[in-house]
Amino acid sequence: MLGIGDVVFIGLGRVGFRTLKLFKELVRDVYVYVVDSNPNVGNLISGLSDVEFYLYKPEVINELVRKADLVVTALPSNTAFNIVSDLVRRCVDVVDVSFFSEDPYILEDVVKGCNSTFVPDAGFAPGYTNLVVGYGINLLGNVDSVEVFVGGIPSKPIPPLGYVITWNPLDLIEEYVRPARVVEDFKIKFVDPLETIVDVDLGGLGRFEGFVSDGLRTLLRNVRVRNMREVTIRWSNHLSKMKFLRDIGLMSKELIRVGDVAVRPAEVLAKLLEMYLPKEAEDIAIAYVVVRGGREYSELAVLRGSPEEPATPTFTALVHAYTAKLVYEGRVGSGIQPLEKLVEFKGGYEDYLRSKGVSITSRLR
């Protein structure tokens, strides 16, 4: 669609609010309708011009979508897919950053029938890492293996978990419980994310531990290589503590009774993490991708954050906003378009990220 209409933003949490501000910098004359379940969001956006807030209701979304060429979504993983599915079926372009477990290609026939554009996973990782993988494969041609190392961590380990909360804690917990898909000898396998601790040496950045995470997502469909995995980076001794919390049931989504109250342990743990883990600390977002064939292409992208602008949601929002800009301008073709398919825009992404403080170094050997 040609970018001449209004835009709807749904979800203005840690990522969505930053995406909105960045998008308004990139596309200055656009009118934006914002929808969120938190009434305080109206105060957050009061300083932004041509932005109008609505409290979330299905009928509100129905009305606003009729005015829009593009909907930009940043929602919790447990609610995202139903909302995104409904939007896609309304034949609007959608750029989503939500970490839902469902396969976005479930919606392929709908998107094709609408001749619309749907970009899933338009964030840090998955997202920018997909773009780097696609670029590396396009560069090398014949590729045998892909490794993706990603992490949003404090600049130094902070007790009690060596971690800070900079994004949705329920989605954080999901990383430790969702079976991770990897490719081994061309076959997709499911593995327990906390079964094996991986040693990760990133030279001057430091030595870390990592766990296999379910971030390959659309790469599993769109990239054919013998071996492929994503490893999420953490400071040493973090993963044994998270495995303990998981093994005693604190990451379970099943309802249990505590006295007269029914609770989901994962929701209780998420609330406790939000309450008691540090939120304001210097942090760092790291993405390191290695693509190997006859040659090797590697890229390291690093953003250092501050208490006011934490690195992980900021990096995520930068990619989200730039992708939304491309779609709004009509530069992305119709269909389901994860970032590994957008390698023609790699230079533009790099320039934009560098302008916002992201350090990007690459090597071909």
Foldseek 3Di string as FASTA:
>chain_A
DAQDFAEEEEDCDLQSVLLVVVLCVVVVPHAYEYEYQDPCVCVVCVVPPNYHYDYDDVVVCVVVLVRDQEYEYEDEQVPPPVVVLVSLLVLHEYQYQYPHPDAPCVCQVSLVVSQYEYAYNLFDFVRVLLLVQLLFCVVPVFFAEKEKEKEKFFLAQDPDQRGADSDQLLVVLCFQQPFAWWAAQQDTDTDRFLPDWAWDQPDPSGIWIWTWGRRCRCVNVVPGHNTYTYIYTGHPPNSVVSVVCVVVQQCAQDWDDDPNDTDGSNVVVSVCSVVPGHQFGWIKIWIWMWIDGVKIKIKIKMAIAGRVGRDRSNRGSLSSSVVSVCVSNVNDGTGHCYSSNVNVCVVVSVVSVVVVGMDMDMDID
